[in-house]
Structures are given as C-alpha cells and as structure tokens.
Amino acid sequence: MEDTNKGKGSKSEYIRVNLTLPDELDRVLQEMGNDARASGGYKIPKTMIMRALVRLLMQLDVDPSGVKTEDELLDRLKKAIEKNN
C-alpha cells in the first residue's frame, strides 16, 4: 500500500473535487479548523480535514456493497471503526 501520510505534494498533483455539504456539516469543518488555531496551532483548512478523513477511510475495512443511503454508509463506517478498536 502506498504511503498515505504525505499530504505534502504540489498543488499540480491534486485533483479538484466539488463537494456539497449542508450548512451544519460545513460549520463542523470550519469550527474544527478554528479550534486548532484557538488552541495555539494553525487554522486547519477544510480541505486538509477532508483529505485526512479520506486517508482514514482508506485504512478502514468498510464493506460498501449494497449501500443505498448515507445513513447506511455511516453505520458501516461506525462498524469498521469499532472493529479496529
């Protein structure tokens, strides 16, 4: 498996993805980024948070077969996380 911890490639190595989120989820990402700055670090961009979440997804053994709704996928993700603990 390739090293997924880098995340430091040049912008030319990135692919732009349009992501639509409801206000509530966007607010969560914004607050997480701001909380990092408020606690003495740097503001974490939403794109960095999303890339980290995708890398986490790559490490989980999630079975997406037959999934038809976002809630079903969320349940599968939770189960995969529980298996890793």
C-alpha atoms as a PDB file:
ATOM      1  CA  MET A   1       0.000   0.000   0.000  1.00  0.00           C
ATOM      2  CA  GLU A   2       1.354   3.433  -0.837  1.00  0.00           C
ATOM      3  CA  ASP A   3       2.330   5.933   1.848  1.00  0.00           C
ATOM      4  CA  THR A   4      -0.784   7.971   2.621  1.00  0.00           C
ATOM      5  CA  ASN A   5       0.762  10.132   5.318  1.00  0.00           C
ATOM      6  CA  LYS A   6       2.485  12.562   2.995  1.00  0.00           C
ATOM      7  CA  GLY A   7      -0.218  15.035   2.013  1.00  0.00           C
ATOM      8  CA  LYS A   8       2.515  17.466   1.005  1.00  0.00           C
ATOM      9  CA  GLY A   9       2.508  17.144  -2.782  1.00  0.00           C
ATOM     10  CA  SER A  10       2.487  20.143  -5.044  1.00  0.00           C
ATOM     11  CA  LYS A  11      -0.882  21.541  -5.992  1.00  0.00           C
ATOM     12  CA  SER A  12      -0.388  20.180  -9.515  1.00  0.00           C
ATOM     13  CA  GLU A  13      -0.635  16.674  -8.002  1.00  0.00           C
ATOM     14  CA  TYR A  14      -4.079  17.394  -6.574  1.00  0.00           C
ATOM     15  CA  ILE A  15      -7.425  16.913  -8.267  1.00  0.00           C
ATOM     16  CA  ARG A  16     -10.127  19.463  -7.515  1.00  0.00           C
ATOM     17  CA  VAL A  17     -13.348  17.907  -6.253  1.00  0.00           C
ATOM     18  CA  ASN A  18     -16.610  19.765  -5.833  1.00  0.00           C
ATOM     19  CA  LEU A  19     -18.204  18.804  -2.550  1.00  0.00           C
ATOM     20  CA  THR A  20     -21.639  19.917  -1.468  1.00  0.00           C
ATOM     21  CA  LEU A  21     -22.406  19.900   2.242  1.00  0.00           C
ATOM     22  CA  PRO A  22     -25.325  21.097   4.305  1.00  0.00           C
ATOM     23  CA  ASP A  23     -24.586  24.163   6.443  1.00  0.00           C
ATOM     24  CA  GLU A  24     -24.325  22.074   9.615  1.00  0.00           C
ATOM     25  CA  LEU A  25     -21.513  19.872   8.265  1.00  0.00           C
ATOM     26  CA  ASP A  26     -19.677  22.835   6.781  1.00  0.00           C
ATOM     27  CA  ARG A  27     -19.888  24.540  10.171  1.00  0.00           C
ATOM     28  CA  VAL A  28     -18.338  21.469  11.839  1.00  0.00           C
ATOM     29  CA  LEU A  29     -15.356  21.611   9.479  1.00  0.00           C
ATOM     30  CA  GLN A  30     -14.993  25.366   9.981  1.00  0.00           C
ATOM     31  CA  GLU A  31     -15.144  25.043  13.778  1.00  0.00           C
ATOM     32  CA  MET A  32     -12.585  22.235  13.817  1.00  0.00           C
ATOM     33  CA  GLY A  33     -10.189  24.392  11.837  1.00  0.00           C
ATOM     34  CA  ASN A  34     -10.769  27.365  14.098  1.00  0.00           C
ATOM     35  CA  ASP A  35     -10.407  25.276  17.277  1.00  0.00           C
ATOM     36  CA  ALA A  36      -6.922  24.240  16.184  1.00  0.00           C
ATOM     37  CA  ARG A  37      -5.897  27.890  15.882  1.00  0.00           C
ATOM     38  CA  ALA A  38      -7.555  28.843  19.178  1.00  0.00           C
ATOM     39  CA  SER A  39      -5.516  26.189  20.995  1.00  0.00           C
ATOM     40  CA  GLY A  40      -2.185  27.534  19.805  1.00  0.00           C
ATOM     41  CA  GLY A  41      -1.848  25.838  16.421  1.00  0.00           C
ATOM     42  CA  TYR A  42      -2.659  26.923  12.904  1.00  0.00           C
ATOM     43  CA  LYS A  43      -6.117  27.073  11.376  1.00  0.00           C
ATOM     44  CA  ILE A  44      -6.714  23.752   9.660  1.00  0.00           C
ATOM     45  CA  PRO A  45      -8.239  24.227   6.200  1.00  0.00           C
ATOM     46  CA  LYS A  46     -11.376  22.260   5.432  1.00  0.00           C
ATOM     47  CA  THR A  47      -9.583  20.613   2.519  1.00  0.00           C
ATOM     48  CA  MET A  48      -6.922  19.239   4.872  1.00  0.00           C
ATOM     49  CA  ILE A  49      -9.579  17.812   7.171  1.00  0.00           C
ATOM     50  CA  MET A  50     -11.327  16.146   4.245  1.00  0.00           C
ATOM     51  CA  ARG A  51      -8.062  14.650   2.916  1.00  0.00           C
ATOM     52  CA  ALA A  52      -7.315  13.242   6.382  1.00  0.00           C
ATOM     53  CA  LEU A  53     -10.807  11.709   6.531  1.00  0.00           C
ATOM     54  CA  VAL A  54     -10.317  10.052   3.135  1.00  0.00           C
ATOM     55  CA  ARG A  55      -6.973   8.653   4.334  1.00  0.00           C
ATOM     56  CA  LEU A  56      -8.734   7.280   7.417  1.00  0.00           C
ATOM     57  CA  LEU A  57     -11.343   5.688   5.164  1.00  0.00           C
ATOM     58  CA  MET A  58      -8.539   4.007   3.214  1.00  0.00           C
ATOM     59  CA  GLN A  59      -7.306   2.383   6.440  1.00  0.00           C
ATOM     60  CA  LEU A  60     -10.708   1.040   7.467  1.00  0.00           C
ATOM     61  CA  ASP A  61     -12.182  -2.202   6.193  1.00  0.00           C
ATOM     62  CA  VAL A  62     -15.560  -0.825   5.077  1.00  0.00           C
ATOM     63  CA  ASP A  63     -17.907  -3.029   3.079  1.00  0.00           C
ATOM     64  CA  PRO A  64     -19.835  -0.654   0.788  1.00  0.00           C
ATOM     65  CA  SER A  65     -21.714  -3.426  -1.050  1.00  0.00           C
ATOM     66  CA  GLY A  66     -25.437  -2.860  -1.192  1.00  0.00           C
ATOM     67  CA  VAL A  67     -25.329   0.564   0.476  1.00  0.00           C
ATOM     68  CA  LYS A  68     -28.179   2.762  -0.729  1.00  0.00           C
ATOM     69  CA  THR A  69     -28.285   5.654   1.738  1.00  0.00           C
ATOM     70  CA  GLU A  70     -25.894   7.944   3.550  1.00  0.00           C
ATOM     71  CA  ASP A  71     -27.160   6.592   6.878  1.00  0.00           C
ATOM     72  CA  GLU A  72     -26.353   3.031   5.803  1.00  0.00           C
ATOM     73  CA  LEU A  73     -22.843   4.097   4.868  1.00  0.00           C
ATOM     74  CA  LEU A  74     -22.440   5.877   8.192  1.00  0.00           C
ATOM     75  CA  ASP A  75     -23.467   2.684  10.025  1.00  0.00           C
ATOM     76  CA  ARG A  76     -20.902   0.678   8.034  1.00  0.00           C
ATOM     77  CA  LEU A  77     -18.213   3.217   8.846  1.00  0.00           C
ATOM     78  CA  LYS A  78     -19.046   3.052  12.559  1.00  0.00           C
ATOM     79  CA  LYS A  79     -18.857  -0.748  12.494  1.00  0.00           C
ATOM     80  CA  ALA A  80     -15.488  -0.631  10.732  1.00  0.00           C
ATOM     81  CA  ILE A  81     -14.148   1.756  13.363  1.00  0.00           C
ATOM     82  CA  GLU A  82     -15.445  -0.452  16.186  1.00  0.00           C
ATOM     83  CA  LYS A  83     -13.683  -3.458  14.606  1.00  0.00           C
ATOM     84  CA  ASN A  84     -10.393  -1.551  14.644  1.00  0.00           C
ATOM     85  CA  ASN A  85     -10.623  -0.803  18.380  1.00  0.00           C
END
